[in-house]
Amino acid sequence: MSPTPTSHAADYEPGQLLRELEQRQDDALAQLDELDAKLTEVLKGLGVTLEDECDVDVV
């Protein structure tokens, strides 16, 4: 059987795996920010406004 990707975790230098995961998280958050900005622009073009706070009570 071929080794799983986690079996290579021991090959990383101390902290390297954490740095890689943090970089992936930063990249994902940046992509989400970009998508949010694009969505806001599209909605603004359609005349739709979003409120930051929701006044609807969830039951």
N, C-alpha and C. Protein backbone atom coordinates (compact mmCIF):
# COMPACT_ATOMS: atom_id res chain seq x y z
N MET A 1 0.82 -1.18 0.00
CA MET A 1 0.00 0.00 0.00
C MET A 1 0.87 1.25 0.00
N SER A 2 0.40 2.29 -0.64
CA SER A 2 1.16 3.53 -0.65
C SER A 2 0.93 4.29 0.66
N PRO A 3 1.93 5.02 1.10
CA PRO A 3 1.78 5.76 2.36
C PRO A 3 0.78 6.89 2.22
N THR A 4 0.12 7.22 3.30
CA THR A 4 -0.84 8.32 3.29
C THR A 4 -0.09 9.63 3.43
N PRO A 5 -0.70 10.74 3.00
CA PRO A 5 -0.02 12.04 3.11
C PRO A 5 0.38 12.38 4.54
N THR A 6 -0.39 11.93 5.52
CA THR A 6 -0.05 12.26 6.90
C THR A 6 1.18 11.51 7.38
N SER A 7 1.54 10.44 6.68
CA SER A 7 2.72 9.70 7.08
C SER A 7 3.99 10.49 6.82
N HIS A 8 3.89 11.52 5.98
CA HIS A 8 5.05 12.37 5.69
C HIS A 8 5.18 13.50 6.69
N ALA A 9 4.26 13.61 7.63
CA ALA A 9 4.30 14.70 8.59
C ALA A 9 5.60 14.66 9.40
N ALA A 10 6.14 13.49 9.64
CA ALA A 10 7.38 13.38 10.40
C ALA A 10 8.57 13.92 9.60
N ASP A 11 8.44 14.04 8.28
CA ASP A 11 9.52 14.54 7.44
C ASP A 11 9.65 16.06 7.51
N TYR A 12 8.63 16.75 8.02
CA TYR A 12 8.66 18.20 8.11
C TYR A 12 9.56 18.66 9.25
N GLU A 13 10.15 19.83 9.08
CA GLU A 13 10.90 20.45 10.16
C GLU A 13 9.89 20.92 11.20
N PRO A 14 10.32 21.06 12.45
CA PRO A 14 9.38 21.52 13.48
C PRO A 14 8.72 22.84 13.09
N GLY A 15 7.42 22.89 13.14
CA GLY A 15 6.68 24.11 12.81
C GLY A 15 6.37 24.30 11.35
N GLN A 16 6.99 23.52 10.48
CA GLN A 16 6.80 23.71 9.04
C GLN A 16 5.36 23.39 8.63
N LEU A 17 4.81 22.32 9.18
CA LEU A 17 3.44 21.92 8.85
C LEU A 17 2.46 22.99 9.31
N LEU A 18 2.67 23.53 10.50
CA LEU A 18 1.81 24.59 11.01
C LEU A 18 1.89 25.82 10.13
N ARG A 19 3.09 26.21 9.71
CA ARG A 19 3.25 27.37 8.82
C ARG A 19 2.52 27.14 7.50
N GLU A 20 2.61 25.91 6.97
CA GLU A 20 1.93 25.61 5.71
C GLU A 20 0.42 25.70 5.88
N LEU A 21 -0.09 25.17 6.98
CA LEU A 21 -1.53 25.24 7.23
C LEU A 21 -1.99 26.68 7.43
N GLU A 22 -1.20 27.49 8.12
CA GLU A 22 -1.55 28.89 8.31
C GLU A 22 -1.55 29.63 6.99
N GLN A 23 -0.61 29.32 6.10
CA GLN A 23 -0.57 29.96 4.79
C GLN A 23 -1.79 29.58 3.97
N ARG A 24 -2.17 28.31 4.02
CA ARG A 24 -3.38 27.87 3.29
C ARG A 24 -4.61 28.58 3.84
N GLN A 25 -4.67 28.73 5.17
CA GLN A 25 -5.80 29.42 5.78
C GLN A 25 -5.83 30.88 5.33
N ASP A 26 -4.69 31.54 5.33
CA ASP A 26 -4.61 32.93 4.89
C ASP A 26 -5.06 33.06 3.43
N ASP A 27 -4.63 32.13 2.58
CA ASP A 27 -5.03 32.15 1.18
C ASP A 27 -6.54 31.98 1.03
N ALA A 28 -7.11 31.05 1.80
CA ALA A 28 -8.55 30.81 1.73
C ALA A 28 -9.32 32.03 2.20
N LEU A 29 -8.87 32.67 3.27
CA LEU A 29 -9.54 33.87 3.78
C LEU A 29 -9.44 35.02 2.78
N ALA A 30 -8.32 35.15 2.12
CA ALA A 30 -8.16 36.19 1.10
C ALA A 30 -9.11 35.94 -0.07
N GLN A 31 -9.26 34.68 -0.47
CA GLN A 31 -10.19 34.35 -1.55
C GLN A 31 -11.62 34.65 -1.14
N LEU A 32 -11.97 34.36 0.11
CA LEU A 32 -13.31 34.67 0.60
C LEU A 32 -13.55 36.18 0.61
N ASP A 33 -12.55 36.95 0.99
CA ASP A 33 -12.69 38.41 0.97
C ASP A 33 -12.91 38.92 -0.45
N GLU A 34 -12.18 38.35 -1.41
CA GLU A 34 -12.35 38.74 -2.81
C GLU A 34 -13.75 38.39 -3.31
N LEU A 35 -14.23 37.21 -2.97
CA LEU A 35 -15.57 36.80 -3.39
C LEU A 35 -16.63 37.68 -2.75
N ASP A 36 -16.44 38.04 -1.49
CA ASP A 36 -17.38 38.91 -0.79
C ASP A 36 -17.45 40.27 -1.47
N ALA A 37 -16.29 40.80 -1.84
CA ALA A 37 -16.26 42.10 -2.52
C ALA A 37 -16.96 42.02 -3.87
N LYS A 38 -16.72 40.95 -4.62
CA LYS A 38 -17.36 40.78 -5.92
C LYS A 38 -18.87 40.65 -5.77
N LEU A 39 -19.31 39.86 -4.79
CA LEU A 39 -20.74 39.68 -4.55
C LEU A 39 -21.40 40.99 -4.16
N THR A 40 -20.73 41.75 -3.32
CA THR A 40 -21.26 43.05 -2.91
C THR A 40 -21.43 43.97 -4.11
N GLU A 41 -20.45 43.96 -5.01
CA GLU A 41 -20.54 44.80 -6.21
C GLU A 41 -21.70 44.36 -7.11
N VAL A 42 -21.86 43.05 -7.28
CA VAL A 42 -22.96 42.54 -8.10
C VAL A 42 -24.31 42.93 -7.50
N LEU A 43 -24.42 42.74 -6.19
CA LEU A 43 -25.68 43.09 -5.53
C LEU A 43 -25.94 44.59 -5.59
N LYS A 44 -24.89 45.38 -5.45
CA LYS A 44 -25.04 46.84 -5.53
C LYS A 44 -25.52 47.22 -6.93
N GLY A 45 -24.98 46.55 -7.95
CA GLY A 45 -25.41 46.80 -9.32
C GLY A 45 -26.87 46.45 -9.56
N LEU A 46 -27.36 45.49 -8.78
CA LEU A 46 -28.77 45.09 -8.88
C LEU A 46 -29.67 45.93 -7.98
N GLY A 47 -29.07 46.82 -7.22
CA GLY A 47 -29.85 47.67 -6.33
C GLY A 47 -30.20 47.00 -5.02
N VAL A 48 -29.50 45.95 -4.67
CA VAL A 48 -29.75 45.23 -3.42
C VAL A 48 -28.74 45.69 -2.40
N THR A 49 -29.21 46.00 -1.20
CA THR A 49 -28.30 46.37 -0.12
C THR A 49 -28.38 45.34 0.99
N LEU A 50 -27.25 45.09 1.61
CA LEU A 50 -27.20 44.15 2.71
C LEU A 50 -27.01 44.90 4.01
N GLU A 51 -27.65 44.41 5.06
CA GLU A 51 -27.46 44.99 6.38
C GLU A 51 -26.45 44.16 7.11
N ASP A 52 -25.56 44.81 7.86
CA ASP A 52 -24.55 44.08 8.62
C ASP A 52 -25.15 43.28 9.76
N GLU A 53 -26.18 43.82 10.37
CA GLU A 53 -26.81 43.14 11.50
C GLU A 53 -28.18 42.63 11.05
N CYS A 54 -28.50 41.45 11.51
CA CYS A 54 -29.78 40.84 11.18
C CYS A 54 -30.75 41.10 12.33
N ASP A 55 -31.92 41.69 12.05
CA ASP A 55 -32.90 41.98 13.10
C ASP A 55 -33.90 40.85 13.28
N VAL A 56 -33.79 39.81 12.48
CA VAL A 56 -34.74 38.70 12.54
C VAL A 56 -34.34 37.76 13.66
N ASP A 57 -35.29 37.43 14.52
CA ASP A 57 -35.03 36.46 15.59
C ASP A 57 -35.13 35.05 15.02
N VAL A 58 -34.12 34.26 15.30
CA VAL A 58 -34.12 32.88 14.85
C VAL A 58 -34.70 32.03 15.97
N VAL A 59 -35.71 31.25 15.62
CA VAL A 59 -36.36 30.42 16.65
C VAL A 59 -35.89 29.00 16.54
